[in-house]
Amino acid sequence: MTSLVVSLVALVVLLIAAFIFVAWRDRRRLSTPEDSAAGRDATSAQERHAAERHAAQGEVWRRGQNPGST
């Protein structure tokens, strides 16, 4: 029974160590310039879309505020 518990504990410790090593290795991996450029492009497109949506909503609100508008 003791050897089974020790074996299981050793297996769990090895699995945790492998997980930590892989996570550490992946964090140290450098991103490519293309990844950074794609991220900037996506952020730019998202901000542009938000600005256009905001302008369109403001236009609808202003049209509703004009007296005599149809």
PDB file of N, CA and C in Angstrom:
ATOM      1  N   MET A   1       0.820  -1.193   0.000  1.00  0.00           N
ATOM      2  CA  MET A   1       0.000   0.000   0.000  1.00  0.00           C
ATOM      3  C   MET A   1       0.865   1.257   0.000  1.00  0.00           C
ATOM      4  N   THR A   2       1.919   1.245   0.795  1.00  0.00           N
ATOM      5  CA  THR A   2       2.807   2.397   0.876  1.00  0.00           C
ATOM      6  C   THR A   2       3.493   2.655  -0.458  1.00  0.00           C
ATOM      7  N   SER A   3       3.913   1.593  -1.109  1.00  0.00           N
ATOM      8  CA  SER A   3       4.594   1.775  -2.398  1.00  0.00           C
ATOM      9  C   SER A   3       3.636   2.333  -3.448  1.00  0.00           C
ATOM     10  N   LEU A   4       2.364   1.974  -3.374  1.00  0.00           N
ATOM     11  CA  LEU A   4       1.366   2.511  -4.301  1.00  0.00           C
ATOM     12  C   LEU A   4       1.179   4.002  -4.087  1.00  0.00           C
ATOM     13  N   VAL A   5       1.074   4.426  -2.848  1.00  0.00           N
ATOM     14  CA  VAL A   5       0.909   5.846  -2.530  1.00  0.00           C
ATOM     15  C   VAL A   5       2.143   6.622  -2.972  1.00  0.00           C
ATOM     16  N   VAL A   6       3.327   6.099  -2.704  1.00  0.00           N
ATOM     17  CA  VAL A   6       4.563   6.766  -3.104  1.00  0.00           C
ATOM     18  C   VAL A   6       4.643   6.863  -4.623  1.00  0.00           C
ATOM     19  N   SER A   7       4.246   5.819  -5.312  1.00  0.00           N
ATOM     20  CA  SER A   7       4.262   5.841  -6.780  1.00  0.00           C
ATOM     21  C   SER A   7       3.291   6.874  -7.326  1.00  0.00           C
ATOM     22  N   LEU A   8       2.102   6.934  -6.758  1.00  0.00           N
ATOM     23  CA  LEU A   8       1.118   7.925  -7.204  1.00  0.00           C
ATOM     24  C   LEU A   8       1.586   9.349  -6.935  1.00  0.00           C
ATOM     25  N   VAL A   9       2.166   9.580  -5.768  1.00  0.00           N
ATOM     26  CA  VAL A   9       2.678  10.908  -5.434  1.00  0.00           C
ATOM     27  C   VAL A   9       3.803  11.288  -6.403  1.00  0.00           C
ATOM     28  N   ALA A  10       4.683  10.354  -6.701  1.00  0.00           N
ATOM     29  CA  ALA A  10       5.776  10.621  -7.641  1.00  0.00           C
ATOM     30  C   ALA A  10       5.225  10.934  -9.027  1.00  0.00           C
ATOM     31  N   LEU A  11       4.198  10.212  -9.453  1.00  0.00           N
ATOM     32  CA  LEU A  11       3.579  10.463 -10.751  1.00  0.00           C
ATOM     33  C   LEU A  11       2.948  11.855 -10.796  1.00  0.00           C
ATOM     34  N   VAL A  12       2.250  12.220  -9.753  1.00  0.00           N
ATOM     35  CA  VAL A  12       1.620  13.546  -9.686  1.00  0.00           C
ATOM     36  C   VAL A  12       2.680  14.641  -9.701  1.00  0.00           C
ATOM     37  N   VAL A  13       3.746  14.460  -8.957  1.00  0.00           N
ATOM     38  CA  VAL A  13       4.828  15.448  -8.928  1.00  0.00           C
ATOM     39  C   VAL A  13       5.458  15.585 -10.310  1.00  0.00           C
ATOM     40  N   LEU A  14       5.685  14.480 -11.001  1.00  0.00           N
ATOM     41  CA  LEU A  14       6.246  14.536 -12.357  1.00  0.00           C
ATOM     42  C   LEU A  14       5.308  15.225 -13.331  1.00  0.00           C
ATOM     43  N   LEU A  15       4.020  14.970 -13.225  1.00  0.00           N
ATOM     44  CA  LEU A  15       3.048  15.627 -14.104  1.00  0.00           C
ATOM     45  C   LEU A  15       3.002  17.137 -13.853  1.00  0.00           C
ATOM     46  N   ILE A  16       3.026  17.517 -12.596  1.00  0.00           N
ATOM     47  CA  ILE A  16       3.024  18.950 -12.259  1.00  0.00           C
ATOM     48  C   ILE A  16       4.299  19.606 -12.767  1.00  0.00           C
ATOM     49  N   ALA A  17       5.439  18.954 -12.592  1.00  0.00           N
ATOM     50  CA  ALA A  17       6.705  19.505 -13.070  1.00  0.00           C
ATOM     51  C   ALA A  17       6.702  19.650 -14.592  1.00  0.00           C
ATOM     52  N   ALA A  18       6.157  18.665 -15.293  1.00  0.00           N
ATOM     53  CA  ALA A  18       6.090  18.747 -16.754  1.00  0.00           C
ATOM     54  C   ALA A  18       5.184  19.893 -17.175  1.00  0.00           C
ATOM     55  N   PHE A  19       4.045  20.062 -16.516  1.00  0.00           N
ATOM     56  CA  PHE A  19       3.128  21.155 -16.833  1.00  0.00           C
ATOM     57  C   PHE A  19       3.782  22.508 -16.607  1.00  0.00           C
ATOM     58  N   ILE A  20       4.470  22.660 -15.483  1.00  0.00           N
ATOM     59  CA  ILE A  20       5.152  23.931 -15.181  1.00  0.00           C
ATOM     60  C   ILE A  20       6.245  24.208 -16.197  1.00  0.00           C
ATOM     61  N   PHE A  21       7.011  23.186 -16.579  1.00  0.00           N
ATOM     62  CA  PHE A  21       8.073  23.373 -17.559  1.00  0.00           C
ATOM     63  C   PHE A  21       7.518  23.814 -18.912  1.00  0.00           C
ATOM     64  N   VAL A  22       6.464  23.170 -19.363  1.00  0.00           N
ATOM     65  CA  VAL A  22       5.876  23.530 -20.661  1.00  0.00           C
ATOM     66  C   VAL A  22       5.306  24.936 -20.617  1.00  0.00           C
ATOM     67  N   ALA A  23       4.648  25.308 -19.535  1.00  0.00           N
ATOM     68  CA  ALA A  23       4.103  26.664 -19.410  1.00  0.00           C
ATOM     69  C   ALA A  23       5.233  27.689 -19.405  1.00  0.00           C
ATOM     70  N   TRP A  24       6.307  27.410 -18.707  1.00  0.00           N
ATOM     71  CA  TRP A  24       7.450  28.328 -18.655  1.00  0.00           C
ATOM     72  C   TRP A  24       8.086  28.465 -20.030  1.00  0.00           C
ATOM     73  N   ARG A  25       8.246  27.353 -20.730  1.00  0.00           N
ATOM     74  CA  ARG A  25       8.846  27.369 -22.061  1.00  0.00           C
ATOM     75  C   ARG A  25       7.984  28.163 -23.045  1.00  0.00           C
ATOM     76  N   ASP A  26       6.677  27.987 -22.984  1.00  0.00           N
ATOM     77  CA  ASP A  26       5.780  28.698 -23.895  1.00  0.00           C
ATOM     78  C   ASP A  26       5.758  30.188 -23.600  1.00  0.00           C
ATOM     79  N   ARG A  27       5.883  30.569 -22.343  1.00  0.00           N
ATOM     80  CA  ARG A  27       5.907  31.989 -22.005  1.00  0.00           C
ATOM     81  C   ARG A  27       7.167  32.664 -22.522  1.00  0.00           C
ATOM     82  N   ARG A  28       8.250  31.915 -22.577  1.00  0.00           N
ATOM     83  CA  ARG A  28       9.507  32.488 -23.043  1.00  0.00           C
ATOM     84  C   ARG A  28       9.590  32.583 -24.562  1.00  0.00           C
ATOM     85  N   ARG A  29       8.687  31.911 -25.254  1.00  0.00           N
ATOM     86  CA  ARG A  29       8.700  31.929 -26.716  1.00  0.00           C
ATOM     87  C   ARG A  29       8.413  33.350 -27.196  1.00  0.00           C
ATOM     88  N   LEU A  30       9.224  33.810 -28.103  1.00  0.00           N
ATOM     89  CA  LEU A  30       9.052  35.169 -28.620  1.00  0.00           C
ATOM     90  C   LEU A  30       7.985  35.177 -29.700  1.00  0.00           C
ATOM     91  N   SER A  31       7.195  36.217 -29.706  1.00  0.00           N
ATOM     92  CA  SER A  31       6.211  36.344 -30.769  1.00  0.00           C
ATOM     93  C   SER A  31       6.887  36.939 -31.994  1.00  0.00           C
ATOM     94  N   THR A  32       6.341  36.640 -33.136  1.00  0.00           N
ATOM     95  CA  THR A  32       6.914  37.129 -34.386  1.00  0.00           C
ATOM     96  C   THR A  32       6.421  38.541 -34.655  1.00  0.00           C
ATOM     97  N   PRO A  33       7.130  39.298 -35.488  1.00  0.00           N
ATOM     98  CA  PRO A  33       6.656  40.640 -35.850  1.00  0.00           C
ATOM     99  C   PRO A  33       5.283  40.603 -36.518  1.00  0.00           C
ATOM    100  N   GLU A  34       4.988  39.513 -37.227  1.00  0.00           N
ATOM    101  CA  GLU A  34       3.678  39.414 -37.867  1.00  0.00           C
ATOM    102  C   GLU A  34       2.564  39.347 -36.820  1.00  0.00           C
ATOM    103  N   ASP A  35       2.832  38.671 -35.690  1.00  0.00           N
ATOM    104  CA  ASP A  35       1.832  38.598 -34.635  1.00  0.00           C
ATOM    105  C   ASP A  35       1.537  39.988 -34.075  1.00  0.00           C
ATOM    106  N   SER A  36       2.587  40.775 -33.862  1.00  0.00           N
ATOM    107  CA  SER A  36       2.398  42.124 -33.334  1.00  0.00           C
ATOM    108  C   SER A  36       1.646  42.993 -34.333  1.00  0.00           C
ATOM    109  N   ALA A  37       2.006  42.885 -35.609  1.00  0.00           N
ATOM    110  CA  ALA A  37       1.333  43.681 -36.640  1.00  0.00           C
ATOM    111  C   ALA A  37      -0.131  43.283 -36.753  1.00  0.00           C
ATOM    112  N   ALA A  38      -0.417  41.996 -36.680  1.00  0.00           N
ATOM    113  CA  ALA A  38      -1.803  41.532 -36.762  1.00  0.00           C
ATOM    114  C   ALA A  38      -2.603  42.042 -35.562  1.00  0.00           C
ATOM    115  N   GLY A  39      -2.004  42.054 -34.402  1.00  0.00           N
ATOM    116  CA  GLY A  39      -2.674  42.569 -33.215  1.00  0.00           C
ATOM    117  C   GLY A  39      -2.981  44.048 -33.332  1.00  0.00           C
ATOM    118  N   ARG A  40      -2.008  44.811 -33.849  1.00  0.00           N
ATOM    119  CA  ARG A  40      -2.239  46.251 -34.045  1.00  0.00           C
ATOM    120  C   ARG A  40      -3.322  46.490 -35.087  1.00  0.00           C
ATOM    121  N   ASP A  41      -3.315  45.714 -36.165  1.00  0.00           N
ATOM    122  CA  ASP A  41      -4.332  45.867 -37.205  1.00  0.00           C
ATOM    123  C   ASP A  41      -5.722  45.552 -36.657  1.00  0.00           C
ATOM    124  N   ALA A  42      -5.813  44.501 -35.862  1.00  0.00           N
ATOM    125  CA  ALA A  42      -7.109  44.126 -35.288  1.00  0.00           C
ATOM    126  C   ALA A  42      -7.612  45.210 -34.334  1.00  0.00           C
ATOM    127  N   THR A  43      -6.718  45.744 -33.515  1.00  0.00           N
ATOM    128  CA  THR A  43      -7.112  46.808 -32.593  1.00  0.00           C
ATOM    129  C   THR A  43      -7.554  48.045 -33.351  1.00  0.00           C
ATOM    130  N   SER A  44      -6.826  48.381 -34.408  1.00  0.00           N
ATOM    131  CA  SER A  44      -7.172  49.546 -35.217  1.00  0.00           C
ATOM    132  C   SER A  44      -8.550  49.368 -35.857  1.00  0.00           C
ATOM    133  N   ALA A  45      -8.802  48.191 -36.419  1.00  0.00           N
ATOM    134  CA  ALA A  45     -10.097  47.927 -37.055  1.00  0.00           C
ATOM    135  C   ALA A  45     -11.223  47.983 -36.025  1.00  0.00           C
ATOM    136  N   GLN A  46     -10.967  47.462 -34.845  1.00  0.00           N
ATOM    137  CA  GLN A  46     -11.988  47.474 -33.797  1.00  0.00           C
ATOM    138  C   GLN A  46     -12.299  48.907 -33.359  1.00  0.00           C
ATOM    139  N   GLU A  47     -11.270  49.724 -33.189  1.00  0.00           N
ATOM    140  CA  GLU A  47     -11.487  51.113 -32.785  1.00  0.00           C
ATOM    141  C   GLU A  47     -12.190  51.908 -33.884  1.00  0.00           C
ATOM    142  N   ARG A  48     -11.831  51.645 -35.142  1.00  0.00           N
ATOM    143  CA  ARG A  48     -12.486  52.331 -36.258  1.00  0.00           C
ATOM    144  C   ARG A  48     -13.969  51.962 -36.314  1.00  0.00           C
ATOM    145  N   HIS A  49     -14.266  50.677 -36.133  1.00  0.00           N
ATOM    146  CA  HIS A  49     -15.661  50.229 -36.140  1.00  0.00           C
ATOM    147  C   HIS A  49     -16.439  50.885 -34.999  1.00  0.00           C
ATOM    148  N   ALA A  50     -15.844  50.961 -33.826  1.00  0.00           N
ATOM    149  CA  ALA A  50     -16.509  51.582 -32.678  1.00  0.00           C
ATOM    150  C   ALA A  50     -16.766  53.064 -32.941  1.00  0.00           C
ATOM    151  N   ALA A  51     -15.806  53.741 -33.548  1.00  0.00           N
ATOM    152  CA  ALA A  51     -15.984  55.162 -33.855  1.00  0.00           C
ATOM    153  C   ALA A  51     -17.091  55.369 -34.882  1.00  0.00           C
ATOM    154  N   GLU A  52     -17.135  54.504 -35.902  1.00  0.00           N
ATOM    155  CA  GLU A  52     -18.194  54.619 -36.909  1.00  0.00           C
ATOM    156  C   GLU A  52     -19.566  54.347 -36.292  1.00  0.00           C
ATOM    157  N   ARG A  53     -19.639  53.347 -35.421  1.00  0.00           N
ATOM    158  CA  ARG A  53     -20.906  53.027 -34.766  1.00  0.00           C
ATOM    159  C   ARG A  53     -21.342  54.179 -33.867  1.00  0.00           C
ATOM    160  N   HIS A  54     -20.402  54.763 -33.164  1.00  0.00           N
ATOM    161  CA  HIS A  54     -20.716  55.888 -32.289  1.00  0.00           C
ATOM    162  C   HIS A  54     -21.228  57.074 -33.108  1.00  0.00           C
ATOM    163  N   ALA A  55     -20.579  57.354 -34.234  1.00  0.00           N
ATOM    164  CA  ALA A  55     -21.007  58.466 -35.086  1.00  0.00           C
ATOM    165  C   ALA A  55     -22.395  58.204 -35.649  1.00  0.00           C
ATOM    166  N   ALA A  56     -22.670  56.972 -36.067  1.00  0.00           N
ATOM    167  CA  ALA A  56     -23.990  56.644 -36.614  1.00  0.00           C
ATOM    168  C   ALA A  56     -25.069  56.783 -35.549  1.00  0.00           C
ATOM    169  N   GLN A  57     -24.784  56.361 -34.324  1.00  0.00           N
ATOM    170  CA  GLN A  57     -25.761  56.486 -33.254  1.00  0.00           C
ATOM    171  C   GLN A  57     -26.003  57.948 -32.910  1.00  0.00           C
ATOM    172  N   GLY A  58     -24.946  58.749 -32.937  1.00  0.00           N
ATOM    173  CA  GLY A  58     -25.105  60.177 -32.675  1.00  0.00           C
ATOM    174  C   GLY A  58     -25.932  60.848 -33.747  1.00  0.00           C
ATOM    175  N   GLU A  59     -25.762  60.427 -34.980  1.00  0.00           N
ATOM    176  CA  GLU A  59     -26.532  60.992 -36.089  1.00  0.00           C
ATOM    177  C   GLU A  59     -28.007  60.655 -35.939  1.00  0.00           C
ATOM    178  N   VAL A  60     -28.318  59.443 -35.556  1.00  0.00           N
ATOM    179  CA  VAL A  60     -29.710  59.044 -35.343  1.00  0.00           C
ATOM    180  C   VAL A  60     -30.303  59.861 -34.206  1.00  0.00           C
ATOM    181  N   TRP A  61     -29.551  60.058 -33.136  1.00  0.00           N
ATOM    182  CA  TRP A  61     -30.044  60.824 -31.998  1.00  0.00           C
ATOM    183  C   TRP A  61     -30.304  62.273 -32.399  1.00  0.00           C
ATOM    184  N   ARG A  62     -29.376  62.870 -33.176  1.00  0.00           N
ATOM    185  CA  ARG A  62     -29.558  64.266 -33.604  1.00  0.00           C
ATOM    186  C   ARG A  62     -30.768  64.403 -34.516  1.00  0.00           C
ATOM    187  N   ARG A  63     -31.001  63.440 -35.387  1.00  0.00           N
ATOM    188  CA  ARG A  63     -32.162  63.508 -36.278  1.00  0.00           C
ATOM    189  C   ARG A  63     -33.451  63.448 -35.464  1.00  0.00           C
ATOM    190  N   GLY A  64     -33.437  62.710 -34.381  1.00  0.00           N
ATOM    191  CA  GLY A  64     -34.635  62.610 -33.546  1.00  0.00           C
ATOM    192  C   GLY A  64     -34.879  63.864 -32.729  1.00  0.00           C
ATOM    193  N   GLN A  65     -33.878  64.705 -32.541  1.00  0.00           N
ATOM    194  CA  GLN A  65     -33.990  65.910 -31.727  1.00  0.00           C
ATOM    195  C   GLN A  65     -34.426  67.137 -32.525  1.00  0.00           C
ATOM    196  N   ASN A  66     -34.313  67.097 -33.840  1.00  0.00           N
ATOM    197  CA  ASN A  66     -34.667  68.253 -34.669  1.00  0.00           C
ATOM    198  C   ASN A  66     -36.197  68.408 -34.708  1.00  0.00           C
ATOM    199  N   PRO A  67     -36.702  69.589 -34.364  1.00  0.00           N
ATOM    200  CA  PRO A  67     -38.142  69.779 -34.450  1.00  0.00           C
ATOM    201  C   PRO A  67     -38.576  69.828 -35.916  1.00  0.00           C
ATOM    202  N   GLY A  68     -39.664  69.205 -36.220  1.00  0.00           N
ATOM    203  CA  GLY A  68     -40.188  69.217 -37.580  1.00  0.00           C
ATOM    204  C   GLY A  68     -39.557  68.209 -38.490  1.00  0.00           C
ATOM    205  N   SER A  69     -38.666  67.338 -37.979  1.00  0.00           N
ATOM    206  CA  SER A  69     -38.072  66.328 -38.839  1.00  0.00           C
ATOM    207  C   SER A  69     -39.035  65.165 -39.001  1.00  0.00           C
ATOM    208  N   THR A  70     -38.927  64.483 -40.120  1.00  0.00           N
ATOM    209  CA  THR A  70     -39.858  63.371 -40.367  1.00  0.00           C
ATOM    210  C   THR A  70     -39.197  62.055 -40.175  1.00  0.00           C
TER     211      THR A  70
END
